[in-house]
């Protein structure tokens, strides 16, 4: 596989993390459990959040698998694992020690469990495991999950790269003859939903989280396989894009009806899985048509997305803490949180993180990122 740059994949990655930031801002307002809550709950906001919840995390793991395939085109297994360790574990440790504690502190202030300064609270962060204690990786759970999957899947990826399995030729022939055959990937995901989801609720703690690990691992491997297929993958999803879109739209009310009226039915995981896969295919198909072109915007944003991800929830929680009791309308609070989270993340990235090599490493930036004054 030749090393190439798929700008559409870069855009999907960036926009998926943008949606993650908006989603976490929304968590401040909806009835679902979160670290701190606005004084006014906004029930209608749960509907768009339920929609994006079907595919926002799955597509990130697919994109991560695709990125892994590109990484393997120019690295050995040992080089890849070393790179993963530097880019995932170092930011994770840094985030746990310095980025996450302010979130826990704000939550404990709201709960009335502490009333001192942050510096007085900081030693307490290391007492017990969240939620009963304080120690946590919070929104950074994505990093240890991705690291574990990268390690476990490396032997498989080596075999796939060397063409020592039949799966790629078989899938290539299937998609060239029958583009809708891309929906065969639903079957393992459906089985995970049926046999694991009811028994292993998602906890983002890595321990006893077998449903989430299995589901995301499949999607991670899928990303590697799909990008390895090359033209047969891209051609097939473009050919069926309108069918996938119509099917995805039609399954929204079906899935909701089943959730509320027949929650124990096997049709629930079936509808959920098909709908998720539909939207993933739709996003990739339309992105390949409209977003696969070089631009300075995506080049800049693709470098900034990782620091934004690490910083964003702490900024959201801190701003939210000061807005909780403010009587202003929730729409103004939402706007302040969005502008403040994106704005402060950008200021920290542009004027501190990308201009200092040591700090850049702590935020998982690659060595070839631009430092100092932006280049023209």
Protein backbone atom coordinates (compact mmCIF):
# COMPACT_ATOMS: atom_id res chain seq x y z
CA UNK A 1 0.00 0.00 0.00
CA UNK A 2 1.48 3.33 -1.04
CA UNK A 3 1.65 6.01 1.59
CA UNK A 4 -0.88 8.67 0.70
CA UNK A 5 -2.73 11.47 2.42
CA UNK A 6 -6.48 11.15 2.67
CA UNK A 7 -7.65 14.62 3.59
CA UNK A 8 -11.22 13.38 3.96
CA UNK A 9 -10.10 11.09 6.79
CA UNK A 10 -8.33 14.05 8.42
CA UNK A 11 -11.56 16.06 8.18
CA UNK A 12 -13.64 13.24 9.64
CA UNK A 13 -11.24 12.94 12.56
CA UNK A 14 -11.28 16.68 13.23
CA UNK A 15 -15.05 17.03 12.90
CA UNK A 16 -15.66 13.96 15.09
CA UNK A 17 -13.64 15.58 17.87
CA UNK A 18 -15.49 18.87 17.31
CA UNK A 19 -18.72 16.96 17.82
CA UNK A 20 -17.22 15.41 20.96
CA UNK A 21 -16.60 18.90 22.35
CA UNK A 22 -20.16 20.00 21.52
CA UNK A 23 -21.46 16.76 23.04
CA UNK A 24 -19.65 17.39 26.31
CA UNK A 25 -20.99 20.95 26.38
CA UNK A 26 -24.44 19.43 25.90
CA UNK A 27 -23.86 17.08 28.85
CA UNK A 28 -23.90 20.16 31.09
CA UNK A 29 -27.58 20.67 30.18
CA UNK A 30 -29.20 17.25 29.63
CA UNK A 31 -30.67 14.94 32.33
CA UNK A 32 -27.97 12.28 31.88
CA UNK A 33 -25.37 11.91 34.60
CA UNK A 34 -22.27 14.09 34.22
CA UNK A 35 -19.72 15.83 36.43
CA UNK A 36 -21.58 19.11 36.94
CA UNK A 37 -25.04 20.23 35.83
CA UNK A 38 -26.66 23.51 34.86
CA UNK A 39 -29.41 24.81 37.15
CA UNK A 40 -31.86 24.37 34.25
CA UNK A 41 -32.10 21.01 32.46
CA UNK A 42 -32.84 21.13 28.70
CA UNK A 43 -34.73 17.95 27.83
CA UNK A 44 -35.05 18.51 24.07
CA UNK A 45 -31.25 18.53 23.71
CA UNK A 46 -31.20 14.78 24.42
CA UNK A 47 -32.63 14.04 20.96
CA UNK A 48 -29.77 15.36 18.79
CA UNK A 49 -27.33 13.93 21.31
CA UNK A 50 -28.96 10.52 21.08
CA UNK A 51 -28.55 10.68 17.31
CA UNK A 52 -24.82 11.49 17.29
CA UNK A 53 -24.28 9.04 20.13
CA UNK A 54 -24.95 6.21 17.67
CA UNK A 55 -21.81 6.85 15.64
CA UNK A 56 -19.55 9.56 17.14
CA UNK A 57 -17.26 7.19 19.10
CA UNK A 58 -17.45 4.26 16.64
CA UNK A 59 -16.25 6.44 13.77
CA UNK A 60 -13.30 7.65 15.83
CA UNK A 61 -12.11 4.08 16.31
CA UNK A 62 -12.58 3.35 12.61
CA UNK A 63 -10.53 6.44 11.75
CA UNK A 64 -7.89 5.37 14.27
CA UNK A 65 -7.64 1.99 12.55
CA UNK A 66 -7.24 3.73 9.19
CA UNK A 67 -4.50 5.93 10.59
CA UNK A 68 -2.77 2.83 11.90
CA UNK A 69 -2.67 1.37 8.38
CA UNK A 70 -0.98 4.50 7.09
CA UNK A 71 1.48 4.36 10.02
CA UNK A 72 2.38 0.76 9.19
CA UNK A 73 3.23 1.71 5.61
CA UNK A 74 6.42 3.37 6.83
CA UNK A 75 7.12 1.73 10.22
CA UNK A 76 8.04 -1.65 11.62
CA UNK A 77 5.98 -3.17 14.44
CA UNK A 78 8.50 -2.08 17.08
CA UNK A 79 8.64 1.46 15.67
CA UNK A 80 4.85 1.62 15.64
CA UNK A 81 4.54 0.46 19.28
CA UNK A 82 7.20 2.96 20.35
CA UNK A 83 5.33 5.74 18.54
CA UNK A 84 2.05 4.68 20.13
CA UNK A 85 3.62 4.69 23.58
CA UNK A 86 5.01 8.19 23.16
CA UNK A 87 1.85 9.65 21.63
CA UNK A 88 -0.70 7.93 23.90
CA UNK A 89 0.83 7.08 27.26
CA UNK A 90 2.80 10.29 27.84
CA UNK A 91 -0.27 12.53 27.18
CA UNK A 92 -2.36 10.16 29.32
CA UNK A 93 0.00 10.45 32.30
CA UNK A 94 0.29 14.21 31.85
CA UNK A 95 -3.49 14.53 31.54
CA UNK A 96 -4.17 12.48 34.66
CA UNK A 97 -1.72 14.51 36.73
CA UNK A 98 -2.57 18.02 35.54
CA UNK A 99 -5.58 18.21 33.20
CA UNK A 100 -8.15 16.00 34.96
CA UNK A 101 -7.77 17.16 38.63
CA UNK A 102 -9.49 20.56 38.07
CA UNK A 103 -12.56 18.70 36.76
CA UNK A 104 -12.78 16.55 39.89
CA UNK A 105 -12.17 19.59 42.07
CA UNK A 106 -15.04 21.52 40.44
CA UNK A 107 -17.35 18.52 40.86
CA UNK A 108 -16.47 18.16 44.55
CA UNK A 109 -17.05 21.89 45.06
CA UNK A 110 -20.54 21.57 43.58
CA UNK A 111 -21.22 18.52 45.77
CA UNK A 112 -20.01 20.36 48.87
CA UNK A 113 -17.32 17.74 49.50
CA UNK A 114 -14.51 20.30 49.53
CA UNK A 115 -14.33 24.03 50.10
CA UNK A 116 -10.63 24.81 50.06
CA UNK A 117 -8.37 25.93 47.25
CA UNK A 118 -7.45 23.69 44.32
CA UNK A 119 -3.90 23.37 45.65
CA UNK A 120 -5.23 22.17 48.99
CA UNK A 121 -7.47 19.67 47.18
CA UNK A 122 -4.78 18.35 44.81
CA UNK A 123 -3.31 15.72 47.20
CA UNK A 124 -6.87 14.40 47.71
CA UNK A 125 -7.09 13.68 43.98
CA UNK A 126 -4.96 10.59 44.62
CA UNK A 127 -7.29 9.18 47.29
CA UNK A 128 -9.53 6.39 46.02
CA UNK A 129 -10.79 5.67 42.52
CA UNK A 130 -13.53 7.81 40.97
CA UNK A 131 -16.52 8.05 41.46
CA UNK A 132 -16.23 6.99 45.11
CA UNK A 133 -12.74 8.45 45.26
CA UNK A 134 -11.11 11.17 43.19
CA UNK A 135 -8.46 9.51 41.03
CA UNK A 136 -9.57 9.21 37.39
CA UNK A 137 -8.63 9.63 33.75
CA UNK A 138 -12.12 11.02 32.97
CA UNK A 139 -12.49 11.91 29.26
CA UNK A 140 -8.98 10.62 28.50
CA UNK A 141 -10.21 6.99 28.69
CA UNK A 142 -9.94 6.90 24.88
CA UNK A 143 -6.12 6.86 25.13
CA UNK A 144 -5.58 3.69 27.20
CA UNK A 145 -8.26 1.87 25.20
CA UNK A 146 -6.62 2.82 21.93
CA UNK A 147 -3.18 1.88 23.27
CA UNK A 148 -4.36 -1.56 24.40
CA UNK A 149 -6.04 -2.20 21.06
CA UNK A 150 -2.93 -1.09 19.19
CA UNK A 151 -0.78 -3.58 21.10
CA UNK A 152 -3.22 -6.48 20.79
CA UNK A 153 -3.93 -5.94 17.08
CA UNK A 154 -0.32 -5.44 15.94
CA UNK A 155 0.32 -9.13 15.04
CA UNK A 156 -2.89 -9.18 12.98
CA UNK A 157 -1.99 -5.92 11.27
CA UNK A 158 1.43 -7.30 10.36
CA UNK A 159 -0.19 -10.32 8.72
CA UNK A 160 -2.68 -8.16 6.86
CA UNK A 161 0.05 -5.83 5.64
CA UNK A 162 2.11 -8.74 4.36
CA UNK A 163 -0.91 -10.29 2.61
CA UNK A 164 -0.78 -13.48 4.66
CA UNK A 165 -4.56 -13.73 5.09
CA UNK A 166 -7.37 -14.30 2.61
CA UNK A 167 -9.71 -11.74 4.11
CA UNK A 168 -8.57 -8.76 2.00
CA UNK A 169 -8.78 -10.53 -1.40
CA UNK A 170 -12.18 -12.00 -0.49
CA UNK A 171 -13.57 -8.65 0.62
CA UNK A 172 -12.10 -6.92 -2.42
CA UNK A 173 -13.90 -9.33 -4.78
CA UNK A 174 -17.12 -9.05 -2.77
CA UNK A 175 -17.22 -5.25 -2.88
CA UNK A 176 -16.32 -5.04 -6.57
CA UNK A 177 -19.20 -7.37 -7.48
CA UNK A 178 -21.67 -6.34 -4.78
CA UNK A 179 -21.05 -2.89 -3.20
CA UNK A 180 -23.72 -3.43 -0.53
CA UNK A 181 -21.58 -6.33 0.69
CA UNK A 182 -19.92 -3.71 2.91
CA UNK A 183 -22.80 -4.40 5.30
CA UNK A 184 -21.28 -7.80 6.11
CA UNK A 185 -19.25 -5.95 8.73
CA UNK A 186 -22.45 -5.56 10.74
CA UNK A 187 -22.58 -9.24 11.70
CA UNK A 188 -19.75 -9.32 14.31
CA UNK A 189 -20.90 -5.99 15.74
CA UNK A 190 -24.44 -7.32 16.09
CA UNK A 191 -23.18 -10.42 17.93
CA UNK A 192 -21.25 -8.20 20.37
CA UNK A 193 -24.42 -6.20 21.01
CA UNK A 194 -26.45 -9.34 21.67
CA UNK A 195 -24.03 -11.33 23.80
CA UNK A 196 -21.98 -8.69 25.63
CA UNK A 197 -23.90 -5.40 25.89
CA UNK A 198 -26.57 -6.67 28.36
CA UNK A 199 -23.96 -8.07 30.75
CA UNK A 200 -21.11 -5.57 30.68
CA UNK A 201 -22.31 -1.95 31.03
CA UNK A 202 -19.84 0.58 29.66
CA UNK A 203 -17.64 1.96 32.46
CA UNK A 204 -14.63 3.44 30.57
CA UNK A 205 -12.42 1.98 33.31
CA UNK A 206 -10.80 -0.71 31.11
CA UNK A 207 -11.48 -3.30 33.84
CA UNK A 208 -14.52 -5.54 33.21
CA UNK A 209 -15.53 -3.37 30.25
CA UNK A 210 -15.73 -6.25 27.81
CA UNK A 211 -18.58 -4.93 25.70
CA UNK A 212 -16.90 -1.59 24.98
CA UNK A 213 -13.48 -3.15 24.44
CA UNK A 214 -14.85 -5.78 22.02
CA UNK A 215 -16.98 -3.29 20.10
CA UNK A 216 -14.29 -0.66 19.73
CA UNK A 217 -11.65 -3.28 18.93
CA UNK A 218 -13.76 -4.55 16.05
CA UNK A 219 -14.21 -1.02 14.72
CA UNK A 220 -10.49 -0.32 15.08
CA UNK A 221 -9.63 -3.43 13.07
CA UNK A 222 -12.36 -2.58 10.56
CA UNK A 223 -10.67 0.76 9.90
CA UNK A 224 -7.39 -0.98 9.13
CA UNK A 225 -9.11 -3.46 6.81
CA UNK A 226 -11.27 -0.92 4.99
CA UNK A 227 -8.43 1.45 4.18
CA UNK A 228 -6.33 -1.55 3.08
CA UNK A 229 -9.00 -2.40 0.50
CA UNK A 230 -8.31 0.87 -1.30
CA UNK A 231 -10.50 1.69 -4.29
CA UNK A 232 -12.95 -1.17 -3.78
CA UNK A 233 -13.93 0.32 -0.41
CA UNK A 234 -14.22 3.93 -1.58
CA UNK A 235 -16.05 3.01 -4.78
CA UNK A 236 -18.56 0.76 -3.01
CA UNK A 237 -19.58 3.28 -0.34
CA UNK A 238 -20.01 6.03 -2.94
CA UNK A 239 -22.23 3.76 -5.06
CA UNK A 240 -24.55 2.98 -2.12
CA UNK A 241 -24.39 6.37 -0.37
CA UNK A 242 -28.03 7.30 -1.01
CA UNK A 243 -29.28 3.87 0.03
CA UNK A 244 -27.20 4.11 3.21
CA UNK A 245 -28.50 7.62 3.89
CA UNK A 246 -32.16 6.68 3.43
CA UNK A 247 -31.73 3.53 5.51
CA UNK A 248 -30.01 5.48 8.28
CA UNK A 249 -32.76 8.12 8.35
CA UNK A 250 -35.56 5.55 8.34
CA UNK A 251 -33.97 3.62 11.22
CA UNK A 252 -33.93 6.64 13.55
CA UNK A 253 -37.65 6.46 14.48
CA UNK A 254 -37.57 2.65 14.33
CA UNK A 255 -34.71 2.45 16.83
CA UNK A 256 -36.31 5.00 19.15
CA UNK A 257 -39.65 3.17 19.07
CA UNK A 258 -37.98 -0.14 19.86
CA UNK A 259 -35.96 1.39 22.72
CA UNK A 260 -39.08 2.72 24.41
CA UNK A 261 -41.59 0.01 23.54
CA UNK A 262 -39.66 -3.24 23.13
CA UNK A 263 -36.34 -2.79 24.96
CA UNK A 264 -35.78 -6.54 25.35
CA UNK A 265 -36.35 -7.35 21.69
CA UNK A 266 -33.42 -8.64 19.63
CA UNK A 267 -34.50 -6.07 17.04
CA UNK A 268 -33.04 -3.33 19.27
CA UNK A 269 -29.37 -4.33 18.82
CA UNK A 270 -30.05 -5.11 15.16
CA UNK A 271 -31.55 -1.69 14.42
CA UNK A 272 -28.89 0.03 16.53
CA UNK A 273 -26.02 -1.71 14.73
CA UNK A 274 -27.38 -1.17 11.21
CA UNK A 275 -28.09 2.49 11.93
CA UNK A 276 -24.58 3.06 13.31
CA UNK A 277 -22.97 1.43 10.26
CA UNK A 278 -25.19 3.38 7.87
CA UNK A 279 -24.07 6.72 9.26
CA UNK A 280 -20.42 5.70 9.27
CA UNK A 281 -20.65 4.75 5.60
CA UNK A 282 -22.58 7.91 4.72
CA UNK A 283 -20.00 10.12 6.41
CA UNK A 284 -17.09 8.42 4.68
CA UNK A 285 -18.83 8.45 1.30
CA UNK A 286 -19.72 12.14 1.26
CA UNK A 287 -16.40 13.13 2.82
CA UNK A 288 -14.57 11.28 0.03
CA UNK A 289 -16.51 13.31 -2.54
CA UNK A 290 -16.31 16.76 -0.98
CA UNK A 291 -13.46 16.84 1.54
CA UNK A 292 -10.58 14.90 0.03
CA UNK A 293 -8.53 17.92 -0.97
CA UNK A 294 -5.56 19.66 0.57
CA UNK A 295 -6.06 22.91 2.45
CA UNK A 296 -4.20 24.93 5.05
CA UNK A 297 -7.25 24.76 7.30
CA UNK A 298 -7.26 20.97 7.61
CA UNK A 299 -3.45 20.88 7.89
CA UNK A 300 -3.60 23.24 10.87
CA UNK A 301 -6.65 21.69 12.50
CA UNK A 302 -5.39 18.14 12.12
CA UNK A 303 -2.31 19.06 14.15
CA UNK A 304 -4.36 20.91 16.76
CA UNK A 305 -7.07 18.28 17.28
CA UNK A 306 -5.15 16.17 19.82
CA UNK A 307 -4.39 19.08 22.22
CA UNK A 308 -7.98 20.26 21.82
CA UNK A 309 -9.21 16.82 22.84
CA UNK A 310 -6.95 16.68 25.90
CA UNK A 311 -7.84 20.19 27.11
CA UNK A 312 -11.48 20.66 26.18
CA UNK A 313 -13.43 18.97 28.97
CA UNK A 314 -11.45 20.66 31.74
CA UNK A 315 -12.13 24.03 30.16
CA UNK A 316 -15.83 23.18 29.74
CA UNK A 317 -16.17 22.09 33.37
CA UNK A 318 -14.37 25.16 34.74
CA UNK A 319 -16.48 27.58 32.70
CA UNK A 320 -19.61 25.58 33.51
CA UNK A 321 -18.86 25.78 37.23
CA UNK A 322 -19.03 29.57 37.09
CA UNK A 323 -22.23 29.49 35.02
CA UNK A 324 -24.28 26.99 37.06
CA UNK A 325 -26.23 29.46 39.16
CA UNK A 326 -26.25 32.33 36.67
CA UNK A 327 -29.87 33.23 35.78
CA UNK A 328 -29.17 33.85 32.07
CA UNK A 329 -31.00 31.74 29.48
CA UNK A 330 -29.43 28.35 28.78
CA UNK A 331 -28.83 29.27 25.12
CA UNK A 332 -26.41 32.02 26.20
CA UNK A 333 -24.67 29.61 28.55
CA UNK A 334 -24.35 27.09 25.72
CA UNK A 335 -22.83 29.74 23.45
CA UNK A 336 -20.39 30.85 26.16
CA UNK A 337 -19.32 27.26 26.80
CA UNK A 338 -18.78 26.51 23.11
CA UNK A 339 -16.91 29.75 22.42
CA UNK A 340 -14.91 29.49 25.64
CA UNK A 341 -13.95 25.84 25.14
CA UNK A 342 -12.88 26.21 21.52
CA UNK A 343 -11.35 29.65 22.09
CA UNK A 344 -9.25 28.81 25.14
CA UNK A 345 -8.17 25.49 23.62
CA UNK A 346 -6.97 27.38 20.54
CA UNK A 347 -5.15 30.05 22.57
CA UNK A 348 -3.32 27.41 24.61
CA UNK A 349 -2.46 25.42 21.50
CA UNK A 350 -1.37 28.32 19.32
CA UNK A 351 0.65 30.35 21.80
CA UNK A 352 1.98 27.73 24.23
CA UNK A 353 1.71 24.10 23.13
CA UNK A 354 2.88 24.26 19.52
CA UNK A 355 5.68 26.71 20.31
CA UNK A 356 7.44 24.57 22.94
CA UNK A 357 8.83 21.16 22.01
CA UNK A 358 8.62 19.69 25.52
CA UNK A 359 5.04 20.81 26.06
CA UNK A 360 4.15 19.61 22.57
CA UNK A 361 5.33 16.09 23.45
CA UNK A 362 3.16 16.14 26.58
CA UNK A 363 0.18 16.79 24.30
CA UNK A 364 1.09 14.01 21.87
CA UNK A 365 2.21 16.18 18.96
CA UNK A 366 4.47 14.65 16.33
CA UNK A 367 8.03 15.84 16.03
CA UNK A 368 7.47 17.26 12.56
CA UNK A 369 4.80 19.68 13.74
CA UNK A 370 5.55 23.36 13.24
CA UNK A 371 7.11 25.16 16.19
CA UNK A 372 7.75 28.84 16.76
CA UNK A 373 6.16 31.32 14.40
CA UNK A 374 3.72 29.84 11.88
CA UNK A 375 5.27 29.33 8.49
CA UNK A 376 3.79 30.93 5.39
